[in-house]
Amino acid sequence: MIYELRIYECFPGRLPSLLERFENVTLDLWKKHGIEQVGFWTPTVGRSNKELIYILKWESLADREQKWNAFTADPIWLDKRTASEADGPIVATIENSFLQPTQFSLSK
């Protein structure tokens, strides 16, 4: 099992649009493609108040590649993403890391 930590920093004023897109579009498409989320967070104190942080759970890097590629090529996702950015881009930067649990981690 591996985990993917993703941090999206939004353009000023665009975090509500990103949250809406996840809640109303992305999560349903992830379910369709078998993508499992661990959780989502927005910082209350930290380096930026324009961030969405989330973690995804994968069986392997190959599992991630297959499911993520299917999701990002889904015509519904492509249409909805384009529509959500009609007022301009939402995400300025994306940072991601792949994490492997330690022997003493509660999440394995």
N, C-alpha and C. Protein backbone atom coordinates (compact mmCIF):
# COMPACT_ATOMS: atom_id res chain seq x y z
N MET A 1 0.84 -1.18 0.00
CA MET A 1 0.00 0.00 0.00
C MET A 1 0.89 1.24 0.00
N ILE A 2 0.55 2.19 -0.85
CA ILE A 2 1.23 3.49 -0.83
C ILE A 2 0.18 4.59 -0.75
N TYR A 3 0.61 5.74 -0.31
CA TYR A 3 -0.26 6.89 -0.18
C TYR A 3 0.32 8.02 -1.01
N GLU A 4 -0.57 8.83 -1.57
CA GLU A 4 -0.14 9.98 -2.35
C GLU A 4 -0.65 11.23 -1.66
N LEU A 5 0.27 12.08 -1.27
CA LEU A 5 -0.04 13.37 -0.67
C LEU A 5 -0.05 14.40 -1.78
N ARG A 6 -1.16 15.11 -1.92
CA ARG A 6 -1.27 16.13 -2.96
C ARG A 6 -1.63 17.47 -2.30
N ILE A 7 -0.94 18.52 -2.71
CA ILE A 7 -1.20 19.87 -2.19
C ILE A 7 -1.44 20.78 -3.38
N TYR A 8 -2.63 21.33 -3.44
CA TYR A 8 -3.00 22.27 -4.51
C TYR A 8 -3.00 23.67 -3.92
N GLU A 9 -2.25 24.56 -4.52
CA GLU A 9 -2.32 25.97 -4.13
C GLU A 9 -3.12 26.69 -5.21
N CYS A 10 -4.17 27.35 -4.79
CA CYS A 10 -5.07 28.02 -5.73
C CYS A 10 -4.63 29.45 -5.99
N PHE A 11 -5.10 29.96 -7.11
CA PHE A 11 -4.97 31.38 -7.37
C PHE A 11 -5.84 32.13 -6.36
N PRO A 12 -5.51 33.38 -6.04
CA PRO A 12 -6.28 34.12 -5.03
C PRO A 12 -7.78 34.10 -5.34
N GLY A 13 -8.57 33.79 -4.33
CA GLY A 13 -10.03 33.79 -4.44
C GLY A 13 -10.62 32.56 -5.12
N ARG A 14 -9.80 31.58 -5.51
CA ARG A 14 -10.30 30.44 -6.29
C ARG A 14 -10.47 29.15 -5.48
N LEU A 15 -10.07 29.14 -4.20
CA LEU A 15 -10.23 27.93 -3.40
C LEU A 15 -11.69 27.47 -3.33
N PRO A 16 -12.68 28.37 -3.15
CA PRO A 16 -14.07 27.89 -3.14
C PRO A 16 -14.46 27.16 -4.43
N SER A 17 -13.96 27.60 -5.56
CA SER A 17 -14.26 26.91 -6.82
C SER A 17 -13.65 25.52 -6.85
N LEU A 18 -12.44 25.38 -6.31
CA LEU A 18 -11.80 24.07 -6.27
C LEU A 18 -12.56 23.13 -5.34
N LEU A 19 -12.95 23.62 -4.19
CA LEU A 19 -13.70 22.79 -3.25
C LEU A 19 -15.03 22.34 -3.86
N GLU A 20 -15.70 23.24 -4.54
CA GLU A 20 -16.96 22.90 -5.20
C GLU A 20 -16.74 21.84 -6.28
N ARG A 21 -15.68 21.98 -7.05
CA ARG A 21 -15.40 21.01 -8.11
C ARG A 21 -15.13 19.62 -7.53
N PHE A 22 -14.37 19.56 -6.45
CA PHE A 22 -14.13 18.26 -5.81
C PHE A 22 -15.44 17.67 -5.30
N GLU A 23 -16.21 18.46 -4.59
CA GLU A 23 -17.43 17.95 -3.97
C GLU A 23 -18.48 17.52 -4.99
N ASN A 24 -18.61 18.26 -6.08
CA ASN A 24 -19.69 18.03 -7.03
C ASN A 24 -19.31 17.26 -8.29
N VAL A 25 -18.02 17.13 -8.56
CA VAL A 25 -17.58 16.47 -9.80
C VAL A 25 -16.55 15.39 -9.53
N THR A 26 -15.42 15.79 -8.98
CA THR A 26 -14.26 14.92 -8.89
C THR A 26 -14.52 13.65 -8.09
N LEU A 27 -15.14 13.76 -6.93
CA LEU A 27 -15.32 12.59 -6.07
C LEU A 27 -16.17 11.51 -6.75
N ASP A 28 -17.20 11.90 -7.48
CA ASP A 28 -18.01 10.91 -8.20
C ASP A 28 -17.21 10.22 -9.29
N LEU A 29 -16.36 10.98 -9.97
CA LEU A 29 -15.53 10.38 -11.02
C LEU A 29 -14.46 9.47 -10.42
N TRP A 30 -13.92 9.86 -9.29
CA TRP A 30 -12.95 8.98 -8.62
C TRP A 30 -13.61 7.66 -8.25
N LYS A 31 -14.83 7.73 -7.75
CA LYS A 31 -15.55 6.51 -7.39
C LYS A 31 -15.72 5.62 -8.63
N LYS A 32 -16.08 6.23 -9.73
CA LYS A 32 -16.25 5.50 -11.00
C LYS A 32 -14.95 4.78 -11.39
N HIS A 33 -13.81 5.42 -11.14
CA HIS A 33 -12.51 4.87 -11.56
C HIS A 33 -11.78 4.11 -10.44
N GLY A 34 -12.43 3.94 -9.30
CA GLY A 34 -11.84 3.16 -8.22
C GLY A 34 -10.75 3.87 -7.44
N ILE A 35 -10.77 5.19 -7.45
CA ILE A 35 -9.76 5.97 -6.71
C ILE A 35 -10.28 6.22 -5.29
N GLU A 36 -9.46 5.85 -4.31
CA GLU A 36 -9.86 5.93 -2.91
C GLU A 36 -9.13 7.06 -2.19
N GLN A 37 -9.91 7.96 -1.60
CA GLN A 37 -9.32 9.05 -0.83
C GLN A 37 -9.26 8.68 0.64
N VAL A 38 -8.22 9.21 1.31
CA VAL A 38 -8.06 9.05 2.75
C VAL A 38 -8.69 10.24 3.46
N GLY A 39 -8.51 11.44 2.92
CA GLY A 39 -9.08 12.63 3.52
C GLY A 39 -8.63 13.90 2.81
N PHE A 40 -9.33 14.99 3.13
CA PHE A 40 -9.06 16.31 2.58
C PHE A 40 -8.95 17.31 3.72
N TRP A 41 -8.07 18.29 3.55
CA TRP A 41 -7.87 19.31 4.57
C TRP A 41 -7.60 20.66 3.92
N THR A 42 -8.00 21.71 4.62
CA THR A 42 -7.59 23.08 4.28
C THR A 42 -6.92 23.64 5.53
N PRO A 43 -5.78 24.29 5.38
CA PRO A 43 -5.07 24.81 6.56
C PRO A 43 -5.84 25.94 7.25
N THR A 44 -5.84 25.90 8.57
CA THR A 44 -6.36 27.03 9.34
C THR A 44 -5.21 27.91 9.79
N VAL A 45 -4.05 27.30 10.00
CA VAL A 45 -2.82 28.01 10.32
C VAL A 45 -1.73 27.33 9.52
N GLY A 46 -0.89 28.10 8.85
CA GLY A 46 0.18 27.51 8.06
C GLY A 46 0.71 28.47 7.03
N ARG A 47 1.37 27.91 6.04
CA ARG A 47 2.05 28.75 5.05
C ARG A 47 1.09 29.45 4.09
N SER A 48 -0.12 28.90 3.89
CA SER A 48 -1.04 29.49 2.93
C SER A 48 -2.48 29.15 3.29
N ASN A 49 -3.37 30.09 3.07
CA ASN A 49 -4.80 29.82 3.26
C ASN A 49 -5.48 29.59 1.90
N LYS A 50 -4.68 29.31 0.87
CA LYS A 50 -5.20 29.05 -0.47
C LYS A 50 -4.95 27.61 -0.89
N GLU A 51 -4.77 26.71 0.08
CA GLU A 51 -4.39 25.34 -0.23
C GLU A 51 -5.50 24.33 0.06
N LEU A 52 -5.52 23.30 -0.76
CA LEU A 52 -6.28 22.09 -0.48
C LEU A 52 -5.27 20.96 -0.41
N ILE A 53 -5.30 20.22 0.68
CA ILE A 53 -4.37 19.12 0.90
C ILE A 53 -5.19 17.85 1.00
N TYR A 54 -4.77 16.82 0.26
CA TYR A 54 -5.48 15.55 0.38
C TYR A 54 -4.55 14.38 0.18
N ILE A 55 -5.04 13.20 0.60
CA ILE A 55 -4.27 11.97 0.50
C ILE A 55 -5.11 10.91 -0.20
N LEU A 56 -4.48 10.24 -1.16
CA LEU A 56 -5.10 9.13 -1.87
C LEU A 56 -4.38 7.84 -1.48
N LYS A 57 -5.09 6.74 -1.56
CA LYS A 57 -4.58 5.42 -1.18
C LYS A 57 -4.52 4.54 -2.42
N TRP A 58 -3.35 3.90 -2.65
CA TRP A 58 -3.15 3.05 -3.82
C TRP A 58 -2.58 1.70 -3.42
N GLU A 59 -2.90 0.69 -4.19
CA GLU A 59 -2.31 -0.64 -3.98
C GLU A 59 -0.83 -0.65 -4.37
N SER A 60 -0.50 0.11 -5.42
CA SER A 60 0.87 0.16 -5.95
C SER A 60 0.97 1.36 -6.88
N LEU A 61 2.20 1.65 -7.33
CA LEU A 61 2.36 2.72 -8.33
C LEU A 61 1.69 2.34 -9.65
N ALA A 62 1.70 1.07 -9.99
CA ALA A 62 1.03 0.62 -11.22
C ALA A 62 -0.48 0.82 -11.11
N ASP A 63 -1.04 0.54 -9.94
CA ASP A 63 -2.47 0.77 -9.69
C ASP A 63 -2.78 2.25 -9.85
N ARG A 64 -1.94 3.09 -9.29
CA ARG A 64 -2.13 4.54 -9.38
C ARG A 64 -2.08 5.00 -10.83
N GLU A 65 -1.10 4.53 -11.57
CA GLU A 65 -0.94 4.95 -12.96
C GLU A 65 -2.17 4.58 -13.78
N GLN A 66 -2.65 3.35 -13.64
CA GLN A 66 -3.79 2.89 -14.42
C GLN A 66 -5.05 3.70 -14.08
N LYS A 67 -5.35 3.83 -12.80
CA LYS A 67 -6.58 4.52 -12.38
C LYS A 67 -6.51 6.02 -12.63
N TRP A 68 -5.36 6.63 -12.34
CA TRP A 68 -5.23 8.08 -12.52
C TRP A 68 -5.30 8.44 -14.00
N ASN A 69 -4.65 7.66 -14.85
CA ASN A 69 -4.70 7.93 -16.29
C ASN A 69 -6.11 7.79 -16.84
N ALA A 70 -6.84 6.79 -16.36
CA ALA A 70 -8.23 6.63 -16.81
C ALA A 70 -9.08 7.83 -16.37
N PHE A 71 -8.88 8.27 -15.13
CA PHE A 71 -9.62 9.43 -14.63
C PHE A 71 -9.29 10.69 -15.44
N THR A 72 -8.02 10.98 -15.62
CA THR A 72 -7.65 12.24 -16.29
C THR A 72 -8.01 12.26 -17.77
N ALA A 73 -8.26 11.08 -18.36
CA ALA A 73 -8.68 11.01 -19.77
C ALA A 73 -10.20 10.91 -19.91
N ASP A 74 -10.92 10.82 -18.81
CA ASP A 74 -12.38 10.68 -18.86
C ASP A 74 -13.00 11.93 -19.49
N PRO A 75 -13.80 11.78 -20.55
CA PRO A 75 -14.40 12.94 -21.21
C PRO A 75 -15.26 13.79 -20.28
N ILE A 76 -15.92 13.16 -19.32
CA ILE A 76 -16.73 13.93 -18.37
C ILE A 76 -15.83 14.83 -17.54
N TRP A 77 -14.69 14.29 -17.05
CA TRP A 77 -13.75 15.09 -16.28
C TRP A 77 -13.22 16.25 -17.12
N LEU A 78 -12.83 15.97 -18.34
CA LEU A 78 -12.27 17.02 -19.20
C LEU A 78 -13.28 18.14 -19.43
N ASP A 79 -14.55 17.80 -19.66
CA ASP A 79 -15.59 18.81 -19.87
C ASP A 79 -15.87 19.60 -18.60
N LYS A 80 -16.02 18.90 -17.48
CA LYS A 80 -16.34 19.57 -16.21
C LYS A 80 -15.19 20.44 -15.72
N ARG A 81 -13.95 19.97 -15.91
CA ARG A 81 -12.80 20.78 -15.51
C ARG A 81 -12.75 22.07 -16.32
N THR A 82 -12.95 21.94 -17.63
CA THR A 82 -12.96 23.13 -18.49
C THR A 82 -14.07 24.09 -18.08
N ALA A 83 -15.26 23.57 -17.81
CA ALA A 83 -16.38 24.42 -17.41
C ALA A 83 -16.09 25.11 -16.08
N SER A 84 -15.45 24.42 -15.15
CA SER A 84 -15.17 25.01 -13.83
C SER A 84 -14.13 26.12 -13.92
N GLU A 85 -13.37 26.16 -15.01
CA GLU A 85 -12.35 27.18 -15.19
C GLU A 85 -12.78 28.26 -16.17
N ALA A 86 -14.08 28.40 -16.40
CA ALA A 86 -14.59 29.42 -17.31
C ALA A 86 -14.20 30.83 -16.85
N ASP A 87 -14.09 31.03 -15.54
CA ASP A 87 -13.71 32.33 -14.98
C ASP A 87 -12.21 32.45 -14.77
N GLY A 88 -11.45 31.51 -15.30
CA GLY A 88 -10.00 31.52 -15.17
C GLY A 88 -9.50 30.29 -14.45
N PRO A 89 -8.19 30.08 -14.52
CA PRO A 89 -7.61 28.90 -13.87
C PRO A 89 -7.86 28.91 -12.36
N ILE A 90 -7.92 27.72 -11.79
CA ILE A 90 -8.18 27.58 -10.35
C ILE A 90 -6.88 27.26 -9.60
N VAL A 91 -6.13 26.30 -10.09
CA VAL A 91 -4.95 25.81 -9.38
C VAL A 91 -3.68 26.42 -9.96
N ALA A 92 -2.90 27.05 -9.09
CA ALA A 92 -1.64 27.66 -9.51
C ALA A 92 -0.51 26.65 -9.51
N THR A 93 -0.44 25.80 -8.47
CA THR A 93 0.62 24.79 -8.38
C THR A 93 0.07 23.52 -7.76
N ILE A 94 0.68 22.41 -8.14
CA ILE A 94 0.36 21.11 -7.55
C ILE A 94 1.67 20.48 -7.09
N GLU A 95 1.66 20.04 -5.84
CA GLU A 95 2.81 19.33 -5.28
C GLU A 95 2.31 17.95 -4.88
N ASN A 96 3.04 16.91 -5.27
CA ASN A 96 2.63 15.59 -4.81
C ASN A 96 3.83 14.76 -4.40
N SER A 97 3.59 13.89 -3.44
CA SER A 97 4.60 12.98 -2.91
C SER A 97 3.96 11.62 -2.73
N PHE A 98 4.75 10.57 -2.93
CA PHE A 98 4.28 9.22 -2.67
C PHE A 98 4.92 8.75 -1.37
N LEU A 99 4.08 8.23 -0.48
CA LEU A 99 4.50 7.88 0.86
C LEU A 99 4.28 6.40 1.12
N GLN A 100 5.23 5.78 1.78
CA GLN A 100 5.11 4.38 2.17
C GLN A 100 5.06 4.34 3.68
N PRO A 101 4.08 3.62 4.25
CA PRO A 101 3.99 3.57 5.71
C PRO A 101 5.20 2.90 6.34
N THR A 102 5.56 3.36 7.51
CA THR A 102 6.63 2.71 8.28
C THR A 102 6.05 1.47 8.98
N GLN A 103 6.91 0.67 9.54
CA GLN A 103 6.48 -0.54 10.27
C GLN A 103 5.56 -0.22 11.44
N PHE A 104 5.73 0.97 12.02
CA PHE A 104 4.96 1.32 13.21
C PHE A 104 3.78 2.26 12.92
N SER A 105 3.49 2.47 11.65
CA SER A 105 2.38 3.34 11.27
C SER A 105 1.04 2.65 11.52
N LEU A 106 0.04 3.40 11.94
CA LEU A 106 -1.31 2.86 12.07
C LEU A 106 -1.93 2.58 10.71
N SER A 107 -1.51 3.33 9.69
CA SER A 107 -2.00 3.13 8.32
C SER A 107 -1.00 2.29 7.57
N LYS A 108 -1.41 1.10 7.19
CA LYS A 108 -0.50 0.22 6.43
C LYS A 108 -1.18 -0.30 5.21
